[in-house]
């Protein structure tokens, strides 16, 4: 079993995944998110590797893309798992955030149905962070064994 923290070591993790043995386990302990591109690349490699993904802490923002890319049957959650969702946004040259409604809709549609439904029941993706955890999360993804 490998333990990887996705805080500032995203690129290191990507390199490690390239040499990972098949059927190893990826454990997300803490990820505040970040730019979408590196997460898409990383989770594509995880999907191709056949590895199981254990969510064992906060998986926020771009980290939640794991739900869209890795097959659901290869994802499990612990009691510490938390997914944090918000609308897509970009930063302009002056460092100001602005909404990306089309990207938000594309991301929402890429999530599995039960996750989309949970987000929709809470008003949809917005600048507010929606936290999926506890019983709500356990109703969608199995607990890790």
Foldseek 3Di string as FASTA:
>chain_A
DDEDEADPCLVVLQVVLVPDAAQAEYEYADYQADDQVSLVSSLQSVQVRNYAYEYEAEQEDSSVCNQLRHDQVRYAYAQRGKYKAAFDWDADPVRDIDGDVVVRVVSLVSGPPLVNVVQVVVPHHHRDIDIQHDPSVCVRHPHDD
